Amino acid sequence: FVPELMKLYPDAKVICTVRDSDKWAESLDKTASNAQ
């Protein structure tokens, strides 16, 4: 919802946290499996 949040708070900083994409995919898939 970054576009909408930018409309509401145009002076806010937009910061995207990042990590190794392969390790991220493995981590999120495990979480998604638990939730389902």
PDB file of all heavy atoms in Angstrom:
ATOM      1  N   PHE A   1       0.829  -1.202   0.000  1.00  0.00           N
ATOM      2  CA  PHE A   1       0.000   0.000   0.000  1.00  0.00           C
ATOM      3  C   PHE A   1       0.868   1.257   0.000  1.00  0.00           C
ATOM      4  O   PHE A   1       0.426   2.325   0.427  1.00  0.00           O
ATOM      5  CB  PHE A   1      -0.946   0.014   1.204  1.00  0.00           C
ATOM      6  CG  PHE A   1      -2.160  -0.857   1.031  1.00  0.00           C
ATOM      7  CD1 PHE A   1      -2.142  -2.173   1.464  1.00  0.00           C
ATOM      8  CD2 PHE A   1      -3.302  -0.377   0.406  1.00  0.00           C
ATOM      9  CE1 PHE A   1      -3.256  -2.987   1.293  1.00  0.00           C
ATOM     10  CE2 PHE A   1      -4.417  -1.183   0.227  1.00  0.00           C
ATOM     11  CZ  PHE A   1      -4.393  -2.498   0.671  1.00  0.00           C
ATOM     12  N   VAL A   2       2.086   1.128  -0.507  1.00  0.00           N
ATOM     13  CA  VAL A   2       3.000   2.269  -0.550  1.00  0.00           C
ATOM     14  C   VAL A   2       2.427   3.453  -1.329  1.00  0.00           C
ATOM     15  O   VAL A   2       2.528   4.598  -0.872  1.00  0.00           O
ATOM     16  CB  VAL A   2       4.370   1.838  -1.116  1.00  0.00           C
ATOM     17  CG1 VAL A   2       5.263   3.056  -1.373  1.00  0.00           C
ATOM     18  CG2 VAL A   2       5.056   0.873  -0.151  1.00  0.00           C
ATOM     19  N   PRO A   3       1.803   3.260  -2.498  1.00  0.00           N
ATOM     20  CA  PRO A   3       1.251   4.416  -3.229  1.00  0.00           C
ATOM     21  C   PRO A   3       0.233   5.207  -2.415  1.00  0.00           C
ATOM     22  O   PRO A   3       0.268   6.447  -2.400  1.00  0.00           O
ATOM     23  CB  PRO A   3       0.605   3.788  -4.472  1.00  0.00           C
ATOM     24  CG  PRO A   3       1.330   2.493  -4.659  1.00  0.00           C
ATOM     25  CD  PRO A   3       1.632   2.010  -3.280  1.00  0.00           C
ATOM     26  N   GLU A   4      -0.659   4.509  -1.737  1.00  0.00           N
ATOM     27  CA  GLU A   4      -1.676   5.186  -0.924  1.00  0.00           C
ATOM     28  C   GLU A   4      -1.052   5.875   0.287  1.00  0.00           C
ATOM     29  O   GLU A   4      -1.439   6.997   0.644  1.00  0.00           O
ATOM     30  CB  GLU A   4      -2.731   4.178  -0.467  1.00  0.00           C
ATOM     31  CG  GLU A   4      -3.664   3.680  -1.566  1.00  0.00           C
ATOM     32  CD  GLU A   4      -3.048   2.615  -2.453  1.00  0.00           C
ATOM     33  OE1 GLU A   4      -1.972   2.080  -2.086  1.00  0.00           O
ATOM     34  OE2 GLU A   4      -3.628   2.311  -3.505  1.00  0.00           O
ATOM     35  N   LEU A   5      -0.095   5.210   0.922  1.00  0.00           N
ATOM     36  CA  LEU A   5       0.570   5.807   2.082  1.00  0.00           C
ATOM     37  C   LEU A   5       1.359   7.054   1.683  1.00  0.00           C
ATOM     38  O   LEU A   5       1.420   8.022   2.434  1.00  0.00           O
ATOM     39  CB  LEU A   5       1.485   4.776   2.746  1.00  0.00           C
ATOM     40  CG  LEU A   5       0.760   3.641   3.480  1.00  0.00           C
ATOM     41  CD1 LEU A   5       1.704   2.488   3.794  1.00  0.00           C
ATOM     42  CD2 LEU A   5       0.101   4.157   4.760  1.00  0.00           C
ATOM     43  N   MET A   6       1.932   7.047   0.491  1.00  0.00           N
ATOM     44  CA  MET A   6       2.649   8.226   0.007  1.00  0.00           C
ATOM     45  C   MET A   6       1.698   9.395  -0.238  1.00  0.00           C
ATOM     46  O   MET A   6       2.065  10.554  -0.041  1.00  0.00           O
ATOM     47  CB  MET A   6       3.419   7.890  -1.266  1.00  0.00           C
ATOM     48  CG  MET A   6       4.648   7.021  -1.039  1.00  0.00           C
ATOM     49  SD  MET A   6       5.446   6.541  -2.604  1.00  0.00           S
ATOM     50  CE  MET A   6       5.862   8.145  -3.285  1.00  0.00           C
ATOM     51  N   LYS A   7       0.489   9.083  -0.679  1.00  0.00           N
ATOM     52  CA  LYS A   7      -0.511  10.141  -0.866  1.00  0.00           C
ATOM     53  C   LYS A   7      -0.863  10.783   0.472  1.00  0.00           C
ATOM     54  O   LYS A   7      -1.031  12.008   0.573  1.00  0.00           O
ATOM     55  CB  LYS A   7      -1.773   9.575  -1.518  1.00  0.00           C
ATOM     56  CG  LYS A   7      -1.670   9.331  -3.006  1.00  0.00           C
ATOM     57  CD  LYS A   7      -3.008   8.907  -3.578  1.00  0.00           C
ATOM     58  CE  LYS A   7      -2.923   8.682  -5.078  1.00  0.00           C
ATOM     59  NZ  LYS A   7      -4.225   8.287  -5.662  1.00  0.00           N
ATOM     60  N   LEU A   8      -0.996   9.946   1.481  1.00  0.00           N
ATOM     61  CA  LEU A   8      -1.375  10.446   2.803  1.00  0.00           C
ATOM     62  C   LEU A   8      -0.213  11.152   3.500  1.00  0.00           C
ATOM     63  O   LEU A   8      -0.427  12.120   4.235  1.00  0.00           O
ATOM     64  CB  LEU A   8      -1.853   9.284   3.668  1.00  0.00           C
ATOM     65  CG  LEU A   8      -3.187   8.641   3.271  1.00  0.00           C
ATOM     66  CD1 LEU A   8      -3.408   7.349   4.058  1.00  0.00           C
ATOM     67  CD2 LEU A   8      -4.343   9.599   3.501  1.00  0.00           C
ATOM     68  N   TYR A   9       1.013  10.649   3.278  1.00  0.00           N
ATOM     69  CA  TYR A   9       2.189  11.175   3.980  1.00  0.00           C
ATOM     70  C   TYR A   9       3.302  11.465   2.967  1.00  0.00           C
ATOM     71  O   TYR A   9       4.295  10.724   2.890  1.00  0.00           O
ATOM     72  CB  TYR A   9       2.659  10.177   5.043  1.00  0.00           C
ATOM     73  CG  TYR A   9       1.557   9.761   5.990  1.00  0.00           C
ATOM     74  CD1 TYR A   9       0.875   8.557   5.822  1.00  0.00           C
ATOM     75  CD2 TYR A   9       1.166  10.598   7.037  1.00  0.00           C
ATOM     76  CE1 TYR A   9      -0.152   8.189   6.678  1.00  0.00           C
ATOM     77  CE2 TYR A   9       0.140  10.238   7.898  1.00  0.00           C
ATOM     78  CZ  TYR A   9      -0.518   9.033   7.712  1.00  0.00           C
ATOM     79  OH  TYR A   9      -1.542   8.677   8.551  1.00  0.00           O
ATOM     80  N   PRO A  10       3.149  12.514   2.170  1.00  0.00           N
ATOM     81  CA  PRO A  10       4.110  12.799   1.091  1.00  0.00           C
ATOM     82  C   PRO A  10       5.520  13.120   1.580  1.00  0.00           C
ATOM     83  O   PRO A  10       6.478  12.986   0.810  1.00  0.00           O
ATOM     84  CB  PRO A  10       3.485  14.006   0.385  1.00  0.00           C
ATOM     85  CG  PRO A  10       2.573  14.632   1.401  1.00  0.00           C
ATOM     86  CD  PRO A  10       2.046  13.500   2.216  1.00  0.00           C
ATOM     87  N   ASP A  11       5.662  13.526   2.830  1.00  0.00           N
ATOM     88  CA  ASP A  11       6.991  13.855   3.361  1.00  0.00           C
ATOM     89  C   ASP A  11       7.680  12.667   4.022  1.00  0.00           C
ATOM     90  O   ASP A  11       8.839  12.778   4.437  1.00  0.00           O
ATOM     91  CB  ASP A  11       6.886  15.001   4.373  1.00  0.00           C
ATOM     92  CG  ASP A  11       6.389  16.298   3.737  1.00  0.00           C
ATOM     93  OD1 ASP A  11       6.698  16.520   2.548  1.00  0.00           O
ATOM     94  OD2 ASP A  11       5.691  17.055   4.421  1.00  0.00           O
ATOM     95  N   ALA A  12       6.989  11.549   4.127  1.00  0.00           N
ATOM     96  CA  ALA A  12       7.565  10.377   4.784  1.00  0.00           C
ATOM     97  C   ALA A  12       8.654   9.744   3.915  1.00  0.00           C
ATOM     98  O   ALA A  12       8.573   9.754   2.683  1.00  0.00           O
ATOM     99  CB  ALA A  12       6.479   9.348   5.083  1.00  0.00           C
ATOM    100  N   LYS A  13       9.676   9.183   4.565  1.00  0.00           N
ATOM    101  CA  LYS A  13      10.709   8.445   3.867  1.00  0.00           C
ATOM    102  C   LYS A  13      10.166   7.068   3.479  1.00  0.00           C
ATOM    103  O   LYS A  13       9.403   6.457   4.230  1.00  0.00           O
ATOM    104  CB  LYS A  13      11.936   8.253   4.763  1.00  0.00           C
ATOM    105  CG  LYS A  13      12.475   9.529   5.408  1.00  0.00           C
ATOM    106  CD  LYS A  13      13.202  10.390   4.406  1.00  0.00           C
ATOM    107  CE  LYS A  13      13.852  11.591   5.099  1.00  0.00           C
ATOM    108  NZ  LYS A  13      14.566  12.468   4.142  1.00  0.00           N
ATOM    109  N   VAL A  14      10.555   6.579   2.315  1.00  0.00           N
ATOM    110  CA  VAL A  14      10.161   5.237   1.878  1.00  0.00           C
ATOM    111  C   VAL A  14      11.404   4.360   1.917  1.00  0.00           C
ATOM    112  O   VAL A  14      12.348   4.563   1.145  1.00  0.00           O
ATOM    113  CB  VAL A  14       9.550   5.249   0.468  1.00  0.00           C
ATOM    114  CG1 VAL A  14       9.133   3.837   0.060  1.00  0.00           C
ATOM    115  CG2 VAL A  14       8.354   6.196   0.400  1.00  0.00           C
ATOM    116  N   ILE A  15      11.417   3.399   2.827  1.00  0.00           N
ATOM    117  CA  ILE A  15      12.595   2.554   3.038  1.00  0.00           C
ATOM    118  C   ILE A  15      12.200   1.089   2.875  1.00  0.00           C
ATOM    119  O   ILE A  15      11.304   0.596   3.573  1.00  0.00           O
ATOM    120  CB  ILE A  15      13.211   2.783   4.428  1.00  0.00           C
ATOM    121  CG1 ILE A  15      13.576   4.268   4.604  1.00  0.00           C
ATOM    122  CG2 ILE A  15      14.446   1.902   4.614  1.00  0.00           C
ATOM    123  CD1 ILE A  15      14.135   4.609   5.981  1.00  0.00           C
ATOM    124  N   CYS A  16      12.873   0.417   1.973  1.00  0.00           N
ATOM    125  CA  CYS A  16      12.583  -0.992   1.688  1.00  0.00           C
ATOM    126  C   CYS A  16      13.684  -1.870   2.266  1.00  0.00           C
ATOM    127  O   CYS A  16      14.842  -1.784   1.845  1.00  0.00           O
ATOM    128  CB  CYS A  16      12.472  -1.206   0.178  1.00  0.00           C
ATOM    129  SG  CYS A  16      12.179  -2.932  -0.296  1.00  0.00           S
ATOM    130  N   THR A  17      13.337  -2.702   3.229  1.00  0.00           N
ATOM    131  CA  THR A  17      14.310  -3.649   3.788  1.00  0.00           C
ATOM    132  C   THR A  17      14.528  -4.797   2.797  1.00  0.00           C
ATOM    133  O   THR A  17      13.587  -5.275   2.154  1.00  0.00           O
ATOM    134  CB  THR A  17      13.814  -4.209   5.128  1.00  0.00           C
ATOM    135  OG1 THR A  17      12.422  -4.552   5.022  1.00  0.00           O
ATOM    136  CG2 THR A  17      13.990  -3.195   6.238  1.00  0.00           C
ATOM    137  N   VAL A  18      15.785  -5.232   2.677  1.00  0.00           N
ATOM    138  CA  VAL A  18      16.135  -6.281   1.715  1.00  0.00           C
ATOM    139  C   VAL A  18      17.027  -7.329   2.374  1.00  0.00           C
ATOM    140  O   VAL A  18      17.618  -7.093   3.429  1.00  0.00           O
ATOM    141  CB  VAL A  18      16.861  -5.687   0.486  1.00  0.00           C
ATOM    142  CG1 VAL A  18      15.929  -4.777  -0.304  1.00  0.00           C
ATOM    143  CG2 VAL A  18      18.126  -4.936   0.901  1.00  0.00           C
ATOM    144  N   ARG A  19      17.111  -8.494   1.728  1.00  0.00           N
ATOM    145  CA  ARG A  19      18.009  -9.566   2.153  1.00  0.00           C
ATOM    146  C   ARG A  19      18.268 -10.458   0.945  1.00  0.00           C
ATOM    147  O   ARG A  19      17.740 -10.211  -0.145  1.00  0.00           O
ATOM    148  CB  ARG A  19      17.405 -10.373   3.305  1.00  0.00           C
ATOM    149  CG  ARG A  19      16.142 -11.128   2.944  1.00  0.00           C
ATOM    150  CD  ARG A  19      15.547 -11.922   4.077  1.00  0.00           C
ATOM    151  NE  ARG A  19      16.354 -13.068   4.435  1.00  0.00           N
ATOM    152  CZ  ARG A  19      15.918 -14.058   5.219  1.00  0.00           C
ATOM    153  NH1 ARG A  19      14.691 -14.005   5.735  1.00  0.00           N
ATOM    154  NH2 ARG A  19      16.694 -15.071   5.505  1.00  0.00           N
ATOM    155  N   ASP A  20      19.043 -11.501   1.102  1.00  0.00           N
ATOM    156  CA  ASP A  20      19.279 -12.455   0.024  1.00  0.00           C
ATOM    157  C   ASP A  20      17.943 -13.044  -0.428  1.00  0.00           C
ATOM    158  O   ASP A  20      17.183 -13.593   0.381  1.00  0.00           O
ATOM    159  CB  ASP A  20      20.198 -13.575   0.507  1.00  0.00           C
ATOM    160  CG  ASP A  20      20.444 -14.624  -0.562  1.00  0.00           C
ATOM    161  OD1 ASP A  20      21.375 -14.440  -1.369  1.00  0.00           O
ATOM    162  OD2 ASP A  20      19.670 -15.599  -0.595  1.00  0.00           O
ATOM    163  N   SER A  21      17.647 -12.917  -1.724  1.00  0.00           N
ATOM    164  CA  SER A  21      16.308 -13.280  -2.212  1.00  0.00           C
ATOM    165  C   SER A  21      16.020 -14.773  -2.097  1.00  0.00           C
ATOM    166  O   SER A  21      14.871 -15.173  -1.842  1.00  0.00           O
ATOM    167  CB  SER A  21      16.129 -12.819  -3.665  1.00  0.00           C
ATOM    168  OG  SER A  21      17.106 -13.405  -4.505  1.00  0.00           O
ATOM    169  N   ASP A  22      17.032 -15.635  -2.280  1.00  0.00           N
ATOM    170  CA  ASP A  22      16.797 -17.079  -2.177  1.00  0.00           C
ATOM    171  C   ASP A  22      16.481 -17.485  -0.739  1.00  0.00           C
ATOM    172  O   ASP A  22      15.565 -18.272  -0.490  1.00  0.00           O
ATOM    173  CB  ASP A  22      18.017 -17.850  -2.680  1.00  0.00           C
ATOM    174  CG  ASP A  22      18.201 -17.721  -4.183  1.00  0.00           C
ATOM    175  OD1 ASP A  22      17.195 -17.494  -4.880  1.00  0.00           O
ATOM    176  OD2 ASP A  22      19.357 -17.825  -4.655  1.00  0.00           O
ATOM    177  N   LYS A  23      17.237 -16.951   0.216  1.00  0.00           N
ATOM    178  CA  LYS A  23      16.969 -17.249   1.626  1.00  0.00           C
ATOM    179  C   LYS A  23      15.623 -16.682   2.041  1.00  0.00           C
ATOM    180  O   LYS A  23      14.902 -17.279   2.839  1.00  0.00           O
ATOM    181  CB  LYS A  23      18.087 -16.677   2.498  1.00  0.00           C
ATOM    182  CG  LYS A  23      19.412 -17.388   2.330  1.00  0.00           C
ATOM    183  CD  LYS A  23      20.474 -16.805   3.253  1.00  0.00           C
ATOM    184  CE  LYS A  23      21.791 -17.561   3.088  1.00  0.00           C
ATOM    185  NZ  LYS A  23      22.861 -16.999   3.943  1.00  0.00           N
ATOM    186  N   TRP A  24      15.279 -15.515   1.487  1.00  0.00           N
ATOM    187  CA  TRP A  24      13.980 -14.914   1.788  1.00  0.00           C
ATOM    188  C   TRP A  24      12.848 -15.811   1.311  1.00  0.00           C
ATOM    189  O   TRP A  24      11.869 -16.045   2.028  1.00  0.00           O
ATOM    190  CB  TRP A  24      13.877 -13.538   1.125  1.00  0.00           C
ATOM    191  CG  TRP A  24      12.501 -12.973   1.210  1.00  0.00           C
ATOM    192  CD1 TRP A  24      11.930 -12.302   2.249  1.00  0.00           C
ATOM    193  CD2 TRP A  24      11.479 -13.082   0.202  1.00  0.00           C
ATOM    194  NE1 TRP A  24      10.628 -11.977   1.962  1.00  0.00           N
ATOM    195  CE2 TRP A  24      10.328 -12.443   0.717  1.00  0.00           C
ATOM    196  CE3 TRP A  24      11.434 -13.652  -1.066  1.00  0.00           C
ATOM    197  CZ2 TRP A  24       9.146 -12.356  -0.006  1.00  0.00           C
ATOM    198  CZ3 TRP A  24      10.243 -13.568  -1.794  1.00  0.00           C
ATOM    199  CH2 TRP A  24       9.118 -12.925  -1.258  1.00  0.00           C
ATOM    200  N   ALA A  25      12.974 -16.332   0.071  1.00  0.00           N
ATOM    201  CA  ALA A  25      11.930 -17.189  -0.487  1.00  0.00           C
ATOM    202  C   ALA A  25      11.733 -18.438   0.360  1.00  0.00           C
ATOM    203  O   ALA A  25      10.604 -18.855   0.639  1.00  0.00           O
ATOM    204  CB  ALA A  25      12.284 -17.573  -1.923  1.00  0.00           C
ATOM    205  N   GLU A  26      12.842 -19.029   0.791  1.00  0.00           N
ATOM    206  CA  GLU A  26      12.762 -20.217   1.639  1.00  0.00           C
ATOM    207  C   GLU A  26      12.066 -19.908   2.959  1.00  0.00           C
ATOM    208  O   GLU A  26      11.219 -20.672   3.431  1.00  0.00           O
ATOM    209  CB  GLU A  26      14.173 -20.739   1.901  1.00  0.00           C
ATOM    210  CG  GLU A  26      14.223 -21.993   2.749  1.00  0.00           C
ATOM    211  CD  GLU A  26      15.646 -22.448   3.002  1.00  0.00           C
ATOM    212  OE1 GLU A  26      16.571 -21.943   2.338  1.00  0.00           O
ATOM    213  OE2 GLU A  26      15.844 -23.322   3.883  1.00  0.00           O
ATOM    214  N   SER A  27      12.397 -18.767   3.546  1.00  0.00           N
ATOM    215  CA  SER A  27      11.807 -18.369   4.825  1.00  0.00           C
ATOM    216  C   SER A  27      10.317 -18.108   4.695  1.00  0.00           C
ATOM    217  O   SER A  27       9.514 -18.574   5.513  1.00  0.00           O
ATOM    218  CB  SER A  27      12.517 -17.111   5.345  1.00  0.00           C
ATOM    219  OG  SER A  27      11.885 -16.623   6.509  1.00  0.00           O
ATOM    220  N   LEU A  28       9.916 -17.373   3.670  1.00  0.00           N
ATOM    221  CA  LEU A  28       8.501 -17.020   3.530  1.00  0.00           C
ATOM    222  C   LEU A  28       7.655 -18.217   3.144  1.00  0.00           C
ATOM    223  O   LEU A  28       6.519 -18.363   3.596  1.00  0.00           O
ATOM    224  CB  LEU A  28       8.329 -15.896   2.504  1.00  0.00           C
ATOM    225  CG  LEU A  28       6.941 -15.246   2.508  1.00  0.00           C
ATOM    226  CD1 LEU A  28       6.655 -14.586   3.853  1.00  0.00           C
ATOM    227  CD2 LEU A  28       6.802 -14.226   1.391  1.00  0.00           C
ATOM    228  N   ASP A  29       8.200 -19.109   2.319  1.00  0.00           N
ATOM    229  CA  ASP A  29       7.445 -20.304   1.954  1.00  0.00           C
ATOM    230  C   ASP A  29       7.169 -21.180   3.167  1.00  0.00           C
ATOM    231  O   ASP A  29       6.101 -21.763   3.306  1.00  0.00           O
ATOM    232  CB  ASP A  29       8.210 -21.119   0.904  1.00  0.00           C
ATOM    233  CG  ASP A  29       8.009 -20.576  -0.504  1.00  0.00           C
ATOM    234  OD1 ASP A  29       7.028 -19.851  -0.721  1.00  0.00           O
ATOM    235  OD2 ASP A  29       8.845 -20.877  -1.374  1.00  0.00           O
ATOM    236  N   LYS A  30       8.141 -21.245   4.088  1.00  0.00           N
ATOM    237  CA  LYS A  30       7.940 -22.032   5.314  1.00  0.00           C
ATOM    238  C   LYS A  30       6.839 -21.426   6.159  1.00  0.00           C
ATOM    239  O   LYS A  30       5.968 -22.132   6.686  1.00  0.00           O
ATOM    240  CB  LYS A  30       9.253 -22.095   6.103  1.00  0.00           C
ATOM    241  CG  LYS A  30       9.177 -22.988   7.329  1.00  0.00           C
ATOM    242  CD  LYS A  30      10.528 -23.080   8.011  1.00  0.00           C
ATOM    243  CE  LYS A  30      10.455 -24.000   9.225  1.00  0.00           C
ATOM    244  NZ  LYS A  30      11.770 -24.109   9.912  1.00  0.00           N
ATOM    245  N   THR A  31       6.844 -20.095   6.279  1.00  0.00           N
ATOM    246  CA  THR A  31       5.805 -19.411   7.049  1.00  0.00           C
ATOM    247  C   THR A  31       4.437 -19.609   6.406  1.00  0.00           C
ATOM    248  O   THR A  31       3.440 -19.859   7.078  1.00  0.00           O
ATOM    249  CB  THR A  31       6.122 -17.911   7.143  1.00  0.00           C
ATOM    250  OG1 THR A  31       7.370 -17.742   7.813  1.00  0.00           O
ATOM    251  CG2 THR A  31       5.038 -17.178   7.924  1.00  0.00           C
ATOM    252  N   ALA A  32       4.386 -19.483   5.065  1.00  0.00           N
ATOM    253  CA  ALA A  32       3.117 -19.651   4.351  1.00  0.00           C
ATOM    254  C   ALA A  32       2.564 -21.055   4.552  1.00  0.00           C
ATOM    255  O   ALA A  32       1.357 -21.252   4.719  1.00  0.00           O
ATOM    256  CB  ALA A  32       3.311 -19.357   2.867  1.00  0.00           C
ATOM    257  N   SER A  33       3.461 -22.060   4.557  1.00  0.00           N
ATOM    258  CA  SER A  33       3.021 -23.443   4.762  1.00  0.00           C
ATOM    259  C   SER A  33       2.412 -23.623   6.146  1.00  0.00           C
ATOM    260  O   SER A  33       1.393 -24.293   6.312  1.00  0.00           O
ATOM    261  CB  SER A  33       4.207 -24.397   4.583  1.00  0.00           C
ATOM    262  OG  SER A  33       4.703 -24.330   3.263  1.00  0.00           O
ATOM    263  N   ASN A  34       3.031 -23.017   7.148  1.00  0.00           N
ATOM    264  CA  ASN A  34       2.482 -23.099   8.511  1.00  0.00           C
ATOM    265  C   ASN A  34       1.096 -22.481   8.583  1.00  0.00           C
ATOM    266  O   ASN A  34       0.193 -23.007   9.235  1.00  0.00           O
ATOM    267  CB  ASN A  34       3.410 -22.384   9.496  1.00  0.00           C
ATOM    268  CG  ASN A  34       4.690 -23.152   9.758  1.00  0.00           C
ATOM    269  OD1 ASN A  34       4.741 -24.357   9.583  1.00  0.00           O
ATOM    270  ND2 ASN A  34       5.725 -22.439  10.162  1.00  0.00           N
ATOM    271  N   ALA A  35       0.926 -21.340   7.909  1.00  0.00           N
ATOM    272  CA  ALA A  35      -0.349 -20.613   7.977  1.00  0.00           C
ATOM    273  C   ALA A  35      -1.469 -21.329   7.258  1.00  0.00           C
ATOM    274  O   ALA A  35      -2.643 -21.058   7.506  1.00  0.00           O
ATOM    275  CB  ALA A  35      -0.165 -19.210   7.386  1.00  0.00           C
ATOM    276  N   GLN A  36      -1.122 -22.269   6.359  1.00  0.00           N
ATOM    277  CA  GLN A  36      -2.142 -22.921   5.547  1.00  0.00           C
ATOM    278  C   GLN A  36      -2.448 -24.345   5.995  1.00  0.00           C
ATOM    279  O   GLN A  36      -3.071 -25.106   5.268  1.00  0.00           O
ATOM    280  CB  GLN A  36      -1.691 -22.915   4.080  1.00  0.00           C
ATOM    281  CG  GLN A  36      -1.692 -21.514   3.492  1.00  0.00           C
ATOM    282  CD  GLN A  36      -0.770 -21.374   2.307  1.00  0.00           C
ATOM    283  OE1 GLN A  36      -0.474 -22.355   1.633  1.00  0.00           O
ATOM    284  NE2 GLN A  36      -0.310 -20.165   2.054  1.00  0.00           N
TER     285      GLN A  36
END
